[in-house]
All heavy atoms as atom14 arrays in JSON, in Angstrom:
{
  "sequence": "SLGLEYWARGNFDEKLSQAHHYVGPTFLAQGETAWISLGTYLRLDDL",
  "atom14_mask": [
    [1, 1, 1, 1, 1, 1, 0, 0, 0, 0, 0, 0, 0, 0],
    [1, 1, 1, 1, 1, 1, 1, 1, 0, 0, 0, 0, 0, 0],
    [1, 1, 1, 1, 0, 0, 0, 0, 0, 0, 0, 0, 0, 0],
    [1, 1, 1, 1, 1, 1, 1, 1, 0, 0, 0, 0, 0, 0],
    [1, 1, 1, 1, 1, 1, 1, 1, 1, 0, 0, 0, 0, 0],
    [1, 1, 1, 1, 1, 1, 1, 1, 1, 1, 1, 1, 0, 0],
    [1, 1, 1, 1, 1, 1, 1, 1, 1, 1, 1, 1, 1, 1],
    [1, 1, 1, 1, 1, 0, 0, 0, 0, 0, 0, 0, 0, 0],
    [1, 1, 1, 1, 1, 1, 1, 1, 1, 1, 1, 0, 0, 0],
    [1, 1, 1, 1, 0, 0, 0, 0, 0, 0, 0, 0, 0, 0],
    [1, 1, 1, 1, 1, 1, 1, 1, 0, 0, 0, 0, 0, 0],
    [1, 1, 1, 1, 1, 1, 1, 1, 1, 1, 1, 0, 0, 0],
    [1, 1, 1, 1, 1, 1, 1, 1, 0, 0, 0, 0, 0, 0],
    [1, 1, 1, 1, 1, 1, 1, 1, 1, 0, 0, 0, 0, 0],
    [1, 1, 1, 1, 1, 1, 1, 1, 1, 0, 0, 0, 0, 0],
    [1, 1, 1, 1, 1, 1, 1, 1, 0, 0, 0, 0, 0, 0],
    [1, 1, 1, 1, 1, 1, 0, 0, 0, 0, 0, 0, 0, 0],
    [1, 1, 1, 1, 1, 1, 1, 1, 1, 0, 0, 0, 0, 0],
    [1, 1, 1, 1, 1, 0, 0, 0, 0, 0, 0, 0, 0, 0],
    [1, 1, 1, 1, 1, 1, 1, 1, 1, 1, 0, 0, 0, 0],
    [1, 1, 1, 1, 1, 1, 1, 1, 1, 1, 0, 0, 0, 0],
    [1, 1, 1, 1, 1, 1, 1, 1, 1, 1, 1, 1, 0, 0],
    [1, 1, 1, 1, 1, 1, 1, 0, 0, 0, 0, 0, 0, 0],
    [1, 1, 1, 1, 0, 0, 0, 0, 0, 0, 0, 0, 0, 0],
    [1, 1, 1, 1, 1, 1, 1, 0, 0, 0, 0, 0, 0, 0],
    [1, 1, 1, 1, 1, 1, 1, 0, 0, 0, 0, 0, 0, 0],
    [1, 1, 1, 1, 1, 1, 1, 1, 1, 1, 1, 0, 0, 0],
    [1, 1, 1, 1, 1, 1, 1, 1, 0, 0, 0, 0, 0, 0],
    [1, 1, 1, 1, 1, 0, 0, 0, 0, 0, 0, 0, 0, 0],
    [1, 1, 1, 1, 1, 1, 1, 1, 1, 0, 0, 0, 0, 0],
    [1, 1, 1, 1, 0, 0, 0, 0, 0, 0, 0, 0, 0, 0],
    [1, 1, 1, 1, 1, 1, 1, 1, 1, 0, 0, 0, 0, 0],
    [1, 1, 1, 1, 1, 1, 1, 0, 0, 0, 0, 0, 0, 0],
    [1, 1, 1, 1, 1, 0, 0, 0, 0, 0, 0, 0, 0, 0],
    [1, 1, 1, 1, 1, 1, 1, 1, 1, 1, 1, 1, 1, 1],
    [1, 1, 1, 1, 1, 1, 1, 1, 0, 0, 0, 0, 0, 0],
    [1, 1, 1, 1, 1, 1, 0, 0, 0, 0, 0, 0, 0, 0],
    [1, 1, 1, 1, 1, 1, 1, 1, 0, 0, 0, 0, 0, 0],
    [1, 1, 1, 1, 0, 0, 0, 0, 0, 0, 0, 0, 0, 0],
    [1, 1, 1, 1, 1, 1, 1, 0, 0, 0, 0, 0, 0, 0],
    [1, 1, 1, 1, 1, 1, 1, 1, 1, 1, 1, 1, 0, 0],
    [1, 1, 1, 1, 1, 1, 1, 1, 0, 0, 0, 0, 0, 0],
    [1, 1, 1, 1, 1, 1, 1, 1, 1, 1, 1, 0, 0, 0],
    [1, 1, 1, 1, 1, 1, 1, 1, 0, 0, 0, 0, 0, 0],
    [1, 1, 1, 1, 1, 1, 1, 1, 0, 0, 0, 0, 0, 0],
    [1, 1, 1, 1, 1, 1, 1, 1, 0, 0, 0, 0, 0, 0],
    [1, 1, 1, 1, 1, 1, 1, 1, 0, 0, 0, 0, 0, 0]
  ],
  "atom14_positions": [
    [[87.71, 172.8, -50.5], [87.45, 172.1, -49.24], [86.16, 171.29, -49.37], [85.21, 171.72, -50.04], [87.31, 173.09, -48.08], [88.5, 173.77, -47.82], [0.0, 0.0, 0.0], [0.0, 0.0, 0.0], [0.0, 0.0, 0.0], [0.0, 0.0, 0.0], [0.0, 0.0, 0.0], [0.0, 0.0, 0.0], [0.0, 0.0, 0.0], [0.0, 0.0, 0.0]],
    [[86.15, 170.13, -48.73], [84.95, 169.31, -48.6], [84.57, 169.24, -47.13], [85.44, 169.22, -46.26], [85.17, 167.91, -49.15], [85.35, 167.76, -50.66], [85.63, 166.31, -51.0], [84.12, 168.26, -51.41], [0.0, 0.0, 0.0], [0.0, 0.0, 0.0], [0.0, 0.0, 0.0], [0.0, 0.0, 0.0], [0.0, 0.0, 0.0], [0.0, 0.0, 0.0]],
    [[83.26, 169.18, -46.85], [82.85, 169.16, -45.46], [81.57, 168.37, -45.24], [80.91, 167.89, -46.18], [0.0, 0.0, 0.0], [0.0, 0.0, 0.0], [0.0, 0.0, 0.0], [0.0, 0.0, 0.0], [0.0, 0.0, 0.0], [0.0, 0.0, 0.0], [0.0, 0.0, 0.0], [0.0, 0.0, 0.0], [0.0, 0.0, 0.0], [0.0, 0.0, 0.0]],
    [[81.22, 168.24, -43.98], [79.97, 167.62, -43.55], [79.42, 168.5, -42.43], [80.14, 168.81, -41.48], [80.2, 166.19, -43.05], [78.94, 165.43, -42.63], [78.05, 165.14, -43.86], [79.3, 164.12, -41.94], [0.0, 0.0, 0.0], [0.0, 0.0, 0.0], [0.0, 0.0, 0.0], [0.0, 0.0, 0.0], [0.0, 0.0, 0.0], [0.0, 0.0, 0.0]],
    [[78.14, 168.88, -42.53], [77.58, 169.85, -41.59], [76.22, 169.4, -41.08], [75.41, 168.86, -41.84], [77.47, 171.22, -42.25], [76.99, 172.32, -41.32], [76.95, 173.68, -42.01], [76.69, 173.72, -43.24], [77.17, 174.69, -41.32], [0.0, 0.0, 0.0], [0.0, 0.0, 0.0], [0.0, 0.0, 0.0], [0.0, 0.0, 0.0], [0.0, 0.0, 0.0]],
    [[75.99, 169.63, -39.8], [74.69, 169.41, -39.16], [74.17, 170.74, -38.64], [74.93, 171.56, -38.13], [74.85, 168.42, -38.0], [73.71, 168.48, -36.99], [72.53, 167.79, -37.21], [73.83, 169.25, -35.83], [71.49, 167.85, -36.29], [72.8, 169.33, -34.91], [71.63, 168.62, -35.15], [70.6, 168.7, -34.24], [0.0, 0.0, 0.0], [0.0, 0.0, 0.0]],
    [[72.87, 170.96, -38.79], [72.24, 172.11, -38.15], [70.82, 171.75, -37.76], [70.22, 170.83, -38.31], [72.27, 173.36, -39.04], [71.59, 173.25, -40.37], [72.12, 172.73, -41.52], [70.26, 173.68, -40.7], [71.2, 172.81, -42.55], [70.06, 173.4, -42.08], [69.23, 174.29, -39.98], [68.87, 173.69, -42.73], [68.04, 174.58, -40.63], [67.88, 174.29, -41.98]],
    [[70.31, 172.49, -36.8], [68.96, 172.22, -36.29], [68.26, 173.55, -36.04], [68.89, 174.6, -35.89], [69.03, 171.41, -34.99], [0.0, 0.0, 0.0], [0.0, 0.0, 0.0], [0.0, 0.0, 0.0], [0.0, 0.0, 0.0], [0.0, 0.0, 0.0], [0.0, 0.0, 0.0], [0.0, 0.0, 0.0], [0.0, 0.0, 0.0], [0.0, 0.0, 0.0]],
    [[66.94, 173.49, -36.02], [66.15, 174.67, -35.65], [64.96, 174.21, -34.83], [64.21, 173.31, -35.24], [65.68, 175.44, -36.87], [64.96, 176.75, -36.5], [64.72, 177.62, -37.7], [64.02, 178.85, -37.36], [64.6, 179.97, -36.96], [65.92, 180.01, -36.84], [63.9, 181.04, -36.67], [0.0, 0.0, 0.0], [0.0, 0.0, 0.0], [0.0, 0.0, 0.0]],
    [[64.81, 174.82, -33.67], [63.72, 174.46, -32.79], [63.29, 175.65, -31.95], [63.89, 176.73, -32.0], [0.0, 0.0, 0.0], [0.0, 0.0, 0.0], [0.0, 0.0, 0.0], [0.0, 0.0, 0.0], [0.0, 0.0, 0.0], [0.0, 0.0, 0.0], [0.0, 0.0, 0.0], [0.0, 0.0, 0.0], [0.0, 0.0, 0.0], [0.0, 0.0, 0.0]],
    [[62.26, 175.43, -31.15], [61.67, 176.49, -30.34], [61.68, 176.04, -28.88], [61.12, 174.99, -28.54], [60.24, 176.77, -30.82], [59.67, 178.05, -30.27], [59.94, 178.42, -29.12], [58.86, 178.73, -31.07], [0.0, 0.0, 0.0], [0.0, 0.0, 0.0], [0.0, 0.0, 0.0], [0.0, 0.0, 0.0], [0.0, 0.0, 0.0], [0.0, 0.0, 0.0]],
    [[62.33, 176.85, -28.0], [62.36, 176.51, -26.58], [60.96, 176.49, -25.97], [60.75, 175.88, -24.91], [63.23, 177.51, -25.82], [64.71, 177.32, -26.02], [65.46, 178.27, -26.68], [65.35, 176.18, -25.54], [66.82, 178.11, -26.85], [66.71, 176.0, -25.72], [67.45, 176.96, -26.37], [0.0, 0.0, 0.0], [0.0, 0.0, 0.0], [0.0, 0.0, 0.0]],
    [[60.02, 177.17, -26.6], [58.66, 177.25, -26.08], [57.82, 176.03, -26.46], [56.67, 175.91, -26.04], [57.97, 178.52, -26.59], [58.78, 179.77, -26.27], [59.22, 179.89, -25.11], [58.97, 180.59, -27.18], [0.0, 0.0, 0.0], [0.0, 0.0, 0.0], [0.0, 0.0, 0.0], [0.0, 0.0, 0.0], [0.0, 0.0, 0.0], [0.0, 0.0, 0.0]],
    [[58.38, 175.13, -27.27], [57.69, 173.93, -27.7], [58.48, 172.7, -27.24], [59.56, 172.82, -26.67], [57.53, 173.92, -29.22], [56.76, 175.11, -29.77], [56.76, 175.15, -31.29], [57.53, 174.36, -31.9], [56.02, 175.97, -31.86], [0.0, 0.0, 0.0], [0.0, 0.0, 0.0], [0.0, 0.0, 0.0], [0.0, 0.0, 0.0], [0.0, 0.0, 0.0]],
    [[57.96, 171.52, -27.52], [58.67, 170.3, -27.19], [59.93, 170.17, -28.05], [59.92, 170.48, -29.24], [57.77, 169.08, -27.42], [56.55, 169.02, -26.51], [55.72, 167.78, -26.8], [54.5, 167.72, -25.89], [53.67, 166.51, -26.18], [0.0, 0.0, 0.0], [0.0, 0.0, 0.0], [0.0, 0.0, 0.0], [0.0, 0.0, 0.0], [0.0, 0.0, 0.0]],
    [[61.03, 169.74, -27.44], [62.28, 169.59, -28.18], [62.15, 168.58, -29.31], [62.86, 168.65, -30.31], [63.4, 169.17, -27.22], [63.79, 170.2, -26.15], [64.95, 169.67, -25.3], [64.17, 171.53, -26.78], [0.0, 0.0, 0.0], [0.0, 0.0, 0.0], [0.0, 0.0, 0.0], [0.0, 0.0, 0.0], [0.0, 0.0, 0.0], [0.0, 0.0, 0.0]],
    [[61.2, 167.64, -29.18], [61.0, 166.64, -30.22], [60.45, 167.24, -31.5], [60.46, 166.6, -32.56], [60.06, 165.54, -29.73], [58.79, 166.07, -29.38], [0.0, 0.0, 0.0], [0.0, 0.0, 0.0], [0.0, 0.0, 0.0], [0.0, 0.0, 0.0], [0.0, 0.0, 0.0], [0.0, 0.0, 0.0], [0.0, 0.0, 0.0], [0.0, 0.0, 0.0]],
    [[59.97, 168.48, -31.44], [59.42, 169.15, -32.61], [60.5, 169.89, -33.41], [60.19, 170.48, -34.45], [58.32, 170.12, -32.21], [57.09, 169.45, -31.62], [56.03, 170.44, -31.21], [56.08, 171.04, -30.14], [55.05, 170.63, -32.08], [0.0, 0.0, 0.0], [0.0, 0.0, 0.0], [0.0, 0.0, 0.0], [0.0, 0.0, 0.0], [0.0, 0.0, 0.0]],
    [[61.73, 169.88, -32.94], [62.81, 170.55, -33.66], [63.1, 169.83, -34.97], [62.86, 168.64, -35.12], [64.06, 170.6, -32.79], [0.0, 0.0, 0.0], [0.0, 0.0, 0.0], [0.0, 0.0, 0.0], [0.0, 0.0, 0.0], [0.0, 0.0, 0.0], [0.0, 0.0, 0.0], [0.0, 0.0, 0.0], [0.0, 0.0, 0.0], [0.0, 0.0, 0.0]],
    [[63.64, 170.58, -35.93], [64.02, 170.04, -37.22], [65.53, 169.9, -37.28], [66.28, 170.79, -36.85], [63.53, 170.94, -38.35], [62.04, 171.16, -38.34], [61.14, 170.12, -38.4], [61.31, 172.3, -38.26], [59.91, 170.6, -38.37], [59.99, 171.93, -38.28], [0.0, 0.0, 0.0], [0.0, 0.0, 0.0], [0.0, 0.0, 0.0], [0.0, 0.0, 0.0]],
    [[66.01, 168.77, -37.84], [67.43, 168.45, -37.89], [67.83, 168.16, -39.34], [67.14, 167.42, -40.04], [67.73, 167.23, -37.02], [67.29, 167.39, -35.59], [68.12, 167.86, -34.6], [66.09, 167.13, -35.0], [67.46, 167.9, -33.46], [66.22, 167.45, -33.68], [0.0, 0.0, 0.0], [0.0, 0.0, 0.0], [0.0, 0.0, 0.0], [0.0, 0.0, 0.0]],
    [[68.96, 168.74, -39.76], [69.46, 168.57, -41.12], [70.94, 168.2, -41.09], [71.69, 168.67, -40.22], [69.31, 169.86, -41.93], [67.89, 170.26, -42.25], [67.12, 170.95, -41.32], [67.33, 169.97, -43.48], [65.82, 171.33, -41.62], [66.02, 170.35, -43.79], [65.28, 171.03, -42.85], [63.99, 171.41, -43.14], [0.0, 0.0, 0.0], [0.0, 0.0, 0.0]],
    [[71.35, 167.4, -42.05], [72.77, 167.06, -42.2], [73.06, 166.86, -43.69], [72.19, 166.39, -44.44], [73.14, 165.8, -41.4], [72.46, 164.55, -41.96], [74.64, 165.62, -41.34], [0.0, 0.0, 0.0], [0.0, 0.0, 0.0], [0.0, 0.0, 0.0], [0.0, 0.0, 0.0], [0.0, 0.0, 0.0], [0.0, 0.0, 0.0], [0.0, 0.0, 0.0]],
    [[74.28, 167.25, -44.1], [74.61, 167.06, -45.51], [76.02, 167.49, -45.85], [76.72, 168.11, -45.04], [0.0, 0.0, 0.0], [0.0, 0.0, 0.0], [0.0, 0.0, 0.0], [0.0, 0.0, 0.0], [0.0, 0.0, 0.0], [0.0, 0.0, 0.0], [0.0, 0.0, 0.0], [0.0, 0.0, 0.0], [0.0, 0.0, 0.0], [0.0, 0.0, 0.0]],
    [[76.46, 167.17, -47.08], [77.8, 167.5, -47.53], [77.9, 168.97, -47.94], [76.93, 169.59, -48.36], [78.0, 166.58, -48.73], [76.61, 166.41, -49.28], [75.69, 166.41, -48.09], [0.0, 0.0, 0.0], [0.0, 0.0, 0.0], [0.0, 0.0, 0.0], [0.0, 0.0, 0.0], [0.0, 0.0, 0.0], [0.0, 0.0, 0.0], [0.0, 0.0, 0.0]],
    [[79.12, 169.5, -47.84], [79.38, 170.88, -48.25], [80.62, 170.92, -49.14], [81.46, 170.01, -49.11], [79.6, 171.79, -47.03], [80.82, 171.41, -46.37], [78.45, 171.68, -46.06], [0.0, 0.0, 0.0], [0.0, 0.0, 0.0], [0.0, 0.0, 0.0], [0.0, 0.0, 0.0], [0.0, 0.0, 0.0], [0.0, 0.0, 0.0], [0.0, 0.0, 0.0]],
    [[80.72, 172.0, -49.9], [81.86, 172.19, -50.8], [82.21, 173.66, -50.87], [81.32, 174.51, -50.95], [81.52, 171.67, -52.2], [82.58, 171.95, -53.23], [83.77, 171.22, -53.24], [82.39, 172.94, -54.17], [84.75, 171.49, -54.18], [83.37, 173.21, -55.13], [84.55, 172.47, -55.12], [0.0, 0.0, 0.0], [0.0, 0.0, 0.0], [0.0, 0.0, 0.0]],
    [[83.49, 173.97, -50.81], [83.98, 175.34, -50.91], [85.04, 175.43, -51.98], [85.97, 174.61, -52.03], [84.58, 175.8, -49.57], [85.38, 177.12, -49.6], [84.44, 178.31, -49.85], [86.16, 177.31, -48.3], [0.0, 0.0, 0.0], [0.0, 0.0, 0.0], [0.0, 0.0, 0.0], [0.0, 0.0, 0.0], [0.0, 0.0, 0.0], [0.0, 0.0, 0.0]],
    [[84.89, 176.42, -52.88], [85.92, 176.75, -53.86], [86.25, 178.23, -53.69], [85.35, 179.06, -53.59], [85.44, 176.47, -55.28], [0.0, 0.0, 0.0], [0.0, 0.0, 0.0], [0.0, 0.0, 0.0], [0.0, 0.0, 0.0], [0.0, 0.0, 0.0], [0.0, 0.0, 0.0], [0.0, 0.0, 0.0], [0.0, 0.0, 0.0], [0.0, 0.0, 0.0]],
    [[87.54, 178.56, -53.63], [87.92, 179.94, -53.42], [89.09, 180.33, -54.31], [89.97, 179.51, -54.6], [88.26, 180.2, -51.96], [89.36, 179.31, -51.39], [89.66, 179.63, -49.95], [89.66, 180.79, -49.55], [89.92, 178.62, -49.15], [0.0, 0.0, 0.0], [0.0, 0.0, 0.0], [0.0, 0.0, 0.0], [0.0, 0.0, 0.0], [0.0, 0.0, 0.0]],
    [[89.05, 181.57, -54.75], [90.12, 182.13, -55.54], [90.49, 183.5, -55.0], [90.1, 183.87, -53.9], [0.0, 0.0, 0.0], [0.0, 0.0, 0.0], [0.0, 0.0, 0.0], [0.0, 0.0, 0.0], [0.0, 0.0, 0.0], [0.0, 0.0, 0.0], [0.0, 0.0, 0.0], [0.0, 0.0, 0.0], [0.0, 0.0, 0.0], [0.0, 0.0, 0.0]],
    [[91.22, 184.25, -55.76], [91.72, 185.55, -55.31], [90.64, 186.62, -55.37], [90.71, 187.61, -54.65], [92.92, 185.96, -56.16], [93.85, 186.95, -55.5], [95.13, 187.08, -56.3], [95.06, 187.46, -57.47], [96.21, 186.79, -55.74], [0.0, 0.0, 0.0], [0.0, 0.0, 0.0], [0.0, 0.0, 0.0], [0.0, 0.0, 0.0], [0.0, 0.0, 0.0]],
    [[89.65, 186.45, -56.22], [88.63, 187.47, -56.42], [87.24, 187.07, -55.95], [86.34, 187.91, -55.93], [88.54, 187.84, -57.91], [88.23, 186.66, -58.67], [89.87, 188.4, -58.4], [0.0, 0.0, 0.0], [0.0, 0.0, 0.0], [0.0, 0.0, 0.0], [0.0, 0.0, 0.0], [0.0, 0.0, 0.0], [0.0, 0.0, 0.0], [0.0, 0.0, 0.0]],
    [[87.02, 185.82, -55.56], [85.7, 185.38, -55.13], [85.79, 184.0, -54.51], [86.79, 183.3, -54.63], [84.72, 185.35, -56.32], [0.0, 0.0, 0.0], [0.0, 0.0, 0.0], [0.0, 0.0, 0.0], [0.0, 0.0, 0.0], [0.0, 0.0, 0.0], [0.0, 0.0, 0.0], [0.0, 0.0, 0.0], [0.0, 0.0, 0.0], [0.0, 0.0, 0.0]],
    [[84.72, 183.61, -53.8], [84.6, 182.24, -53.3], [83.13, 181.84, -53.35], [82.24, 182.68, -53.38], [85.16, 182.1, -51.89], [84.57, 183.01, -50.84], [85.04, 184.24, -50.44], [83.39, 182.77, -50.04], [84.23, 184.78, -49.47], [83.23, 183.9, -49.2], [82.49, 181.72, -49.96], [82.17, 184.01, -48.29], [81.44, 181.82, -49.06], [81.3, 182.96, -48.24]],
    [[82.89, 180.54, -53.39], [81.54, 180.01, -53.4], [81.46, 178.81, -52.48], [82.35, 177.95, -52.46], [81.08, 179.64, -54.83], [79.63, 179.13, -54.81], [82.0, 178.63, -55.47], [79.01, 178.98, -56.19], [0.0, 0.0, 0.0], [0.0, 0.0, 0.0], [0.0, 0.0, 0.0], [0.0, 0.0, 0.0], [0.0, 0.0, 0.0], [0.0, 0.0, 0.0]],
    [[80.4, 178.77, -51.67], [80.17, 177.68, -50.72], [78.81, 177.06, -51.01], [77.82, 177.78, -51.19], [80.21, 178.23, -49.28], [80.02, 177.2, -48.34], [0.0, 0.0, 0.0], [0.0, 0.0, 0.0], [0.0, 0.0, 0.0], [0.0, 0.0, 0.0], [0.0, 0.0, 0.0], [0.0, 0.0, 0.0], [0.0, 0.0, 0.0], [0.0, 0.0, 0.0]],
    [[78.77, 175.73, -51.05], [77.55, 175.0, -51.4], [77.24, 173.96, -50.33], [78.15, 173.28, -49.83], [77.7, 174.29, -52.75], [78.18, 175.14, -53.94], [78.5, 174.24, -55.12], [77.13, 176.16, -54.32], [0.0, 0.0, 0.0], [0.0, 0.0, 0.0], [0.0, 0.0, 0.0], [0.0, 0.0, 0.0], [0.0, 0.0, 0.0], [0.0, 0.0, 0.0]],
    [[75.98, 173.82, -50.0], [75.56, 172.78, -49.06], [74.2, 172.21, -49.46], [73.31, 172.95, -49.87], [0.0, 0.0, 0.0], [0.0, 0.0, 0.0], [0.0, 0.0, 0.0], [0.0, 0.0, 0.0], [0.0, 0.0, 0.0], [0.0, 0.0, 0.0], [0.0, 0.0, 0.0], [0.0, 0.0, 0.0], [0.0, 0.0, 0.0], [0.0, 0.0, 0.0]],
    [[74.06, 170.88, -49.34], [72.8, 170.2, -49.6], [72.49, 169.34, -48.37], [73.31, 168.51, -47.97], [72.89, 169.3, -50.85], [73.23, 170.11, -51.98], [71.56, 168.61, -51.11], [0.0, 0.0, 0.0], [0.0, 0.0, 0.0], [0.0, 0.0, 0.0], [0.0, 0.0, 0.0], [0.0, 0.0, 0.0], [0.0, 0.0, 0.0], [0.0, 0.0, 0.0]],
    [[71.3, 169.53, -47.79], [71.01, 168.94, -46.48], [69.73, 168.1, -46.53], [68.73, 168.52, -47.14], [70.86, 170.03, -45.42], [72.03, 170.98, -45.38], [72.05, 172.13, -46.15], [73.14, 170.7, -44.58], [73.14, 173.0, -46.13], [74.23, 171.56, -44.55], [74.22, 172.7, -45.33], [75.3, 173.55, -45.31], [0.0, 0.0, 0.0], [0.0, 0.0, 0.0]],
    [[69.78, 166.96, -45.87], [68.63, 166.08, -45.74], [68.02, 166.27, -44.35], [68.73, 166.26, -43.34], [69.05, 164.62, -45.91], [67.98, 163.56, -45.64], [66.86, 163.64, -46.67], [68.6, 162.16, -45.62], [0.0, 0.0, 0.0], [0.0, 0.0, 0.0], [0.0, 0.0, 0.0], [0.0, 0.0, 0.0], [0.0, 0.0, 0.0], [0.0, 0.0, 0.0]],
    [[66.72, 166.45, -44.3], [66.02, 166.59, -43.02], [65.87, 165.21, -42.37], [65.36, 164.27, -42.99], [64.65, 167.23, -43.26], [63.82, 167.4, -42.01], [62.61, 168.26, -42.31], [61.52, 168.02, -41.38], [60.33, 168.6, -41.48], [60.09, 169.44, -42.48], [59.38, 168.34, -40.6], [0.0, 0.0, 0.0], [0.0, 0.0, 0.0], [0.0, 0.0, 0.0]],
    [[66.32, 165.1, -41.12], [66.37, 163.82, -40.43], [65.12, 163.51, -39.63], [64.8, 162.33, -39.43], [67.6, 163.78, -39.51], [68.96, 163.96, -40.17], [70.06, 163.92, -39.13], [69.2, 162.9, -41.24], [0.0, 0.0, 0.0], [0.0, 0.0, 0.0], [0.0, 0.0, 0.0], [0.0, 0.0, 0.0], [0.0, 0.0, 0.0], [0.0, 0.0, 0.0]],
    [[64.45, 164.53, -39.08], [63.28, 164.24, -38.26], [62.13, 163.76, -39.15], [61.93, 164.24, -40.27], [62.86, 165.49, -37.46], [62.71, 166.72, -38.34], [63.76, 167.27, -38.76], [61.58, 167.13, -38.61], [0.0, 0.0, 0.0], [0.0, 0.0, 0.0], [0.0, 0.0, 0.0], [0.0, 0.0, 0.0], [0.0, 0.0, 0.0], [0.0, 0.0, 0.0]],
    [[61.37, 162.8, -38.65], [60.27, 162.17, -39.39], [60.74, 161.65, -40.74], [60.05, 161.78, -41.76], [59.12, 163.17, -39.59], [58.5, 163.62, -38.29], [58.44, 162.79, -37.35], [58.11, 164.79, -38.18], [0.0, 0.0, 0.0], [0.0, 0.0, 0.0], [0.0, 0.0, 0.0], [0.0, 0.0, 0.0], [0.0, 0.0, 0.0], [0.0, 0.0, 0.0]],
    [[61.95, 161.06, -40.74], [62.51, 160.55, -41.97], [61.6, 159.45, -42.54], [61.15, 158.56, -41.82], [63.91, 159.97, -41.71], [64.8, 159.72, -42.92], [65.06, 161.02, -43.67], [66.13, 159.1, -42.49], [0.0, 0.0, 0.0], [0.0, 0.0, 0.0], [0.0, 0.0, 0.0], [0.0, 0.0, 0.0], [0.0, 0.0, 0.0], [0.0, 0.0, 0.0]]
  ]
}
């Protein structure tokens, strides 16, 4: 499988503009005995 994922991390006690945002491609390979998932993400805030 190929994918695209966004995630963010922030603090409700701080300004929302201080949150960090990431986006990047993902890859999944799976078989009968194991699977592996990979993701590489670029930070978007203060790019």
